[in-house]
Structure formats: structure tokens, C-alpha cells
Amino acid sequence: MEACRDYVYATRRRISFEWACIAGVNDRPSDARELAELARPLGAHVNLIPLNPTPGYLVAGSTRRAVVAFRDEIAAAGVNVTIRNTRGRDVNGACGQLAGSALAATGRPRVLSING
């Protein structure tokens, strides 16, 4: 966060936080409030990105309803926030899906470790 503050001070440019919304992992109201507390003092913009369904990942993206509720919580805290449109899901060409499909095809599923 110190580096973010230094960047904003030095450049006078707005920064953006990209937040991949993962169901039950980082899409709770408490997560939205914590993110807003980090973004607000910086004048940062938050882009919410629903995680794409990807073969081999053991987590799922947040539902549309959860993403909207998350957005509303952040906006209520006075932070500029948008929900990014996902493109390419219908042909498994969205972010992460192509690599995930290739890994799944090799029989080596990719496991996302939530605890590091």
C-alpha cells in the first residue's frame, strides 16, 4: 500500500485494483469493506472481475448476484467501482480458460491453493 501511495503522489494518476471474485473466498461483505478501506484513501478505482470457470481449478467464480452485492457495498463506501464484462466464456476462451483447458487435457489438473 505504501508503494501505491508513493505512485499516486509521484504521478498524480489514479490506480486501479483488479479484483477476481471467487465464490466464498473473497466476495463476502467484509471483504468488500476491507477493499474499500484500502482503495478510498488512494482515490483508487476497483474493477470487479468474476472468475471464469476453468478446468482444473477447485474454486468457482462468484455469482452475478454476489458480484453486484459486492459492488454495491464498495460503492456505498464511496469508492468508484465497476463490474468488468466477461467475454469468451461461451467458447472457453476467456482469461485463464485456454491454459486451464490445455492443462486439463494433459491429465495434470491445476490446483489453486487458497492458503499459499
C-alpha atoms as a PDB file:
ATOM      1  CA  MET A   1       0.000   0.000   0.000  1.00  0.00           C
ATOM      2  CA  GLU A   2       2.934   2.281   0.634  1.00  0.00           C
ATOM      3  CA  ALA A   3       4.084   1.756  -2.954  1.00  0.00           C
ATOM      4  CA  CYS A   4       0.570   2.604  -4.159  1.00  0.00           C
ATOM      5  CA  ARG A   5       0.566   5.830  -2.150  1.00  0.00           C
ATOM      6  CA  ASP A   6       4.016   6.722  -3.483  1.00  0.00           C
ATOM      7  CA  TYR A   7       2.899   6.086  -7.054  1.00  0.00           C
ATOM      8  CA  VAL A   8      -0.229   8.240  -6.716  1.00  0.00           C
ATOM      9  CA  TYR A   9       1.789  11.030  -5.111  1.00  0.00           C
ATOM     10  CA  ALA A  10       4.571  10.921  -7.715  1.00  0.00           C
ATOM     11  CA  THR A  11       2.402  10.609 -10.826  1.00  0.00           C
ATOM     12  CA  ARG A  12      -0.895  12.178  -9.778  1.00  0.00           C
ATOM     13  CA  ARG A  13      -2.533   9.283 -11.635  1.00  0.00           C
ATOM     14  CA  ARG A  14      -5.371   7.118 -10.424  1.00  0.00           C
ATOM     15  CA  ILE A  15      -4.626   3.488  -9.743  1.00  0.00           C
ATOM     16  CA  SER A  16      -6.983   0.571 -10.248  1.00  0.00           C
ATOM     17  CA  PHE A  17      -7.369  -2.592  -8.255  1.00  0.00           C
ATOM     18  CA  GLU A  18      -8.409  -5.655 -10.242  1.00  0.00           C
ATOM     19  CA  TRP A  19     -10.404  -7.998  -8.007  1.00  0.00           C
ATOM     20  CA  ALA A  20     -11.108 -11.527  -9.255  1.00  0.00           C
ATOM     21  CA  CYS A  21     -14.306 -12.507  -7.441  1.00  0.00           C
ATOM     22  CA  ILE A  22     -14.071 -16.054  -6.079  1.00  0.00           C
ATOM     23  CA  ALA A  23     -17.199 -17.568  -4.529  1.00  0.00           C
ATOM     24  CA  GLY A  24     -16.912 -17.869  -0.762  1.00  0.00           C
ATOM     25  CA  VAL A  25     -13.262 -16.828  -0.769  1.00  0.00           C
ATOM     26  CA  ASN A  26     -13.113 -13.070  -1.352  1.00  0.00           C
ATOM     27  CA  ASP A  27     -16.671 -11.997  -2.181  1.00  0.00           C
ATOM     28  CA  ARG A  28     -18.091 -11.517   1.312  1.00  0.00           C
ATOM     29  CA  PRO A  29     -19.379  -8.149   2.577  1.00  0.00           C
ATOM     30  CA  SER A  30     -16.432  -7.973   4.984  1.00  0.00           C
ATOM     31  CA  ASP A  31     -14.050  -8.392   2.021  1.00  0.00           C
ATOM     32  CA  ALA A  32     -15.788  -5.525   0.209  1.00  0.00           C
ATOM     33  CA  ARG A  33     -15.459  -3.272   3.242  1.00  0.00           C
ATOM     34  CA  GLU A  34     -11.760  -4.119   3.651  1.00  0.00           C
ATOM     35  CA  LEU A  35     -11.100  -3.469  -0.035  1.00  0.00           C
ATOM     36  CA  ALA A  36     -12.958  -0.161   0.140  1.00  0.00           C
ATOM     37  CA  GLU A  37     -10.859   0.873   3.154  1.00  0.00           C
ATOM     38  CA  LEU A  38      -7.718   0.295   1.099  1.00  0.00           C
ATOM     39  CA  ALA A  39      -8.990   1.930  -2.098  1.00  0.00           C
ATOM     40  CA  ARG A  40     -10.754   5.015  -0.719  1.00  0.00           C
ATOM     41  CA  PRO A  41      -7.730   6.897   0.707  1.00  0.00           C
ATOM     42  CA  LEU A  42      -5.892   6.401  -2.585  1.00  0.00           C
ATOM     43  CA  GLY A  43      -8.800   7.540  -4.735  1.00  0.00           C
ATOM     44  CA  ALA A  44      -8.399   4.178  -6.449  1.00  0.00           C
ATOM     45  CA  HIS A  45     -10.848   2.599  -8.852  1.00  0.00           C
ATOM     46  CA  VAL A  46     -11.918  -1.020  -8.307  1.00  0.00           C
ATOM     47  CA  ASN A  47     -12.619  -3.361 -11.219  1.00  0.00           C
ATOM     48  CA  LEU A  48     -14.517  -6.478 -10.217  1.00  0.00           C
ATOM     49  CA  ILE A  49     -13.864  -9.484 -12.418  1.00  0.00           C
ATOM     50  CA  PRO A  50     -15.933 -12.637 -11.904  1.00  0.00           C
ATOM     51  CA  LEU A  51     -13.562 -15.602 -12.003  1.00  0.00           C
ATOM     52  CA  ASN A  52     -14.091 -17.623 -15.161  1.00  0.00           C
ATOM     53  CA  PRO A  53     -14.964 -21.297 -14.851  1.00  0.00           C
ATOM     54  CA  THR A  54     -11.697 -23.039 -15.645  1.00  0.00           C
ATOM     55  CA  PRO A  55     -10.976 -26.758 -15.928  1.00  0.00           C
ATOM     56  CA  GLY A  56      -8.703 -27.912 -13.146  1.00  0.00           C
ATOM     57  CA  TYR A  57      -9.450 -25.107 -10.698  1.00  0.00           C
ATOM     58  CA  LEU A  58     -11.121 -26.149  -7.485  1.00  0.00           C
ATOM     59  CA  VAL A  59     -12.813 -22.796  -6.913  1.00  0.00           C
ATOM     60  CA  ALA A  60     -15.662 -21.100  -8.737  1.00  0.00           C
ATOM     61  CA  GLY A  61     -16.370 -17.527  -9.674  1.00  0.00           C
ATOM     62  CA  SER A  62     -18.902 -15.553  -7.712  1.00  0.00           C
ATOM     63  CA  THR A  63     -22.466 -15.476  -8.925  1.00  0.00           C
ATOM     64  CA  ARG A  64     -23.713 -12.352 -10.665  1.00  0.00           C
ATOM     65  CA  ARG A  65     -25.859 -11.600  -7.621  1.00  0.00           C
ATOM     66  CA  ALA A  66     -22.830 -11.833  -5.303  1.00  0.00           C
ATOM     67  CA  VAL A  67     -20.739  -9.591  -7.572  1.00  0.00           C
ATOM     68  CA  VAL A  68     -23.497  -6.966  -7.688  1.00  0.00           C
ATOM     69  CA  ALA A  69     -23.846  -7.046  -3.882  1.00  0.00           C
ATOM     70  CA  PHE A  70     -20.060  -6.712  -3.558  1.00  0.00           C
ATOM     71  CA  ARG A  71     -20.100  -3.744  -5.937  1.00  0.00           C
ATOM     72  CA  ASP A  72     -22.905  -2.084  -4.011  1.00  0.00           C
ATOM     73  CA  GLU A  73     -21.012  -2.482  -0.715  1.00  0.00           C
ATOM     74  CA  ILE A  74     -17.905  -0.844  -2.175  1.00  0.00           C
ATOM     75  CA  ALA A  75     -19.874   1.951  -3.843  1.00  0.00           C
ATOM     76  CA  ALA A  76     -21.685   2.664  -0.553  1.00  0.00           C
ATOM     77  CA  ALA A  77     -18.258   3.240   0.996  1.00  0.00           C
ATOM     78  CA  GLY A  78     -17.568   5.989  -1.551  1.00  0.00           C
ATOM     79  CA  VAL A  79     -15.268   4.080  -3.900  1.00  0.00           C
ATOM     80  CA  ASN A  80     -15.568   4.161  -7.694  1.00  0.00           C
ATOM     81  CA  VAL A  81     -16.232   0.563  -8.785  1.00  0.00           C
ATOM     82  CA  THR A  82     -17.245  -1.265 -11.954  1.00  0.00           C
ATOM     83  CA  ILE A  83     -18.011  -4.845 -12.881  1.00  0.00           C
ATOM     84  CA  ARG A  84     -15.971  -5.992 -15.846  1.00  0.00           C
ATOM     85  CA  ASN A  85     -17.773  -7.819 -18.609  1.00  0.00           C
ATOM     86  CA  THR A  86     -16.516 -11.302 -19.264  1.00  0.00           C
ATOM     87  CA  ARG A  87     -16.078 -12.262 -22.880  1.00  0.00           C
ATOM     88  CA  GLY A  88     -15.242 -15.589 -24.440  1.00  0.00           C
ATOM     89  CA  ARG A  89     -16.720 -17.828 -21.737  1.00  0.00           C
ATOM     90  CA  ASP A  90     -19.099 -19.451 -24.197  1.00  0.00           C
ATOM     91  CA  VAL A  91     -16.161 -20.830 -26.231  1.00  0.00           C
ATOM     92  CA  ASN A  92     -13.800 -21.431 -23.271  1.00  0.00           C
ATOM     93  CA  GLY A  93     -11.667 -18.534 -24.491  1.00  0.00           C
ATOM     94  CA  ALA A  94     -11.956 -16.212 -21.505  1.00  0.00           C
ATOM     95  CA  CYS A  95      -9.000 -15.327 -19.296  1.00  0.00           C
ATOM     96  CA  GLY A  96      -7.474 -18.467 -17.804  1.00  0.00           C
ATOM     97  CA  GLN A  97      -9.682 -20.885 -19.677  1.00  0.00           C
ATOM     98  CA  LEU A  98      -7.339 -21.691 -22.554  1.00  0.00           C
ATOM     99  CA  ALA A  99      -4.411 -22.566 -20.321  1.00  0.00           C
ATOM    100  CA  GLY A 100      -6.719 -24.432 -17.957  1.00  0.00           C
ATOM    101  CA  SER A 101      -8.130 -26.475 -20.816  1.00  0.00           C
ATOM    102  CA  ALA A 102      -4.628 -27.365 -22.005  1.00  0.00           C
ATOM    103  CA  LEU A 103      -3.553 -28.426 -18.519  1.00  0.00           C
ATOM    104  CA  ALA A 104      -6.709 -30.473 -18.030  1.00  0.00           C
ATOM    105  CA  ALA A 105      -6.127 -32.193 -21.378  1.00  0.00           C
ATOM    106  CA  THR A 106      -2.701 -33.353 -20.199  1.00  0.00           C
ATOM    107  CA  GLY A 107      -4.238 -35.019 -17.177  1.00  0.00           C
ATOM    108  CA  ARG A 108      -2.472 -32.639 -14.818  1.00  0.00           C
ATOM    109  CA  PRO A 109      -5.191 -30.513 -13.247  1.00  0.00           C
ATOM    110  CA  ARG A 110      -4.064 -27.270 -11.769  1.00  0.00           C
ATOM    111  CA  VAL A 111      -4.918 -26.839  -8.111  1.00  0.00           C
ATOM    112  CA  LEU A 112      -5.330 -23.357  -6.702  1.00  0.00           C
ATOM    113  CA  SER A 113      -4.014 -23.154  -3.155  1.00  0.00           C
ATOM    114  CA  ILE A 114      -6.024 -20.696  -1.115  1.00  0.00           C
ATOM    115  CA  ASN A 115      -3.563 -20.733   1.767  1.00  0.00           C
ATOM    116  CA  GLY A 116      -0.475 -20.059  -0.297  1.00  0.00           C
END
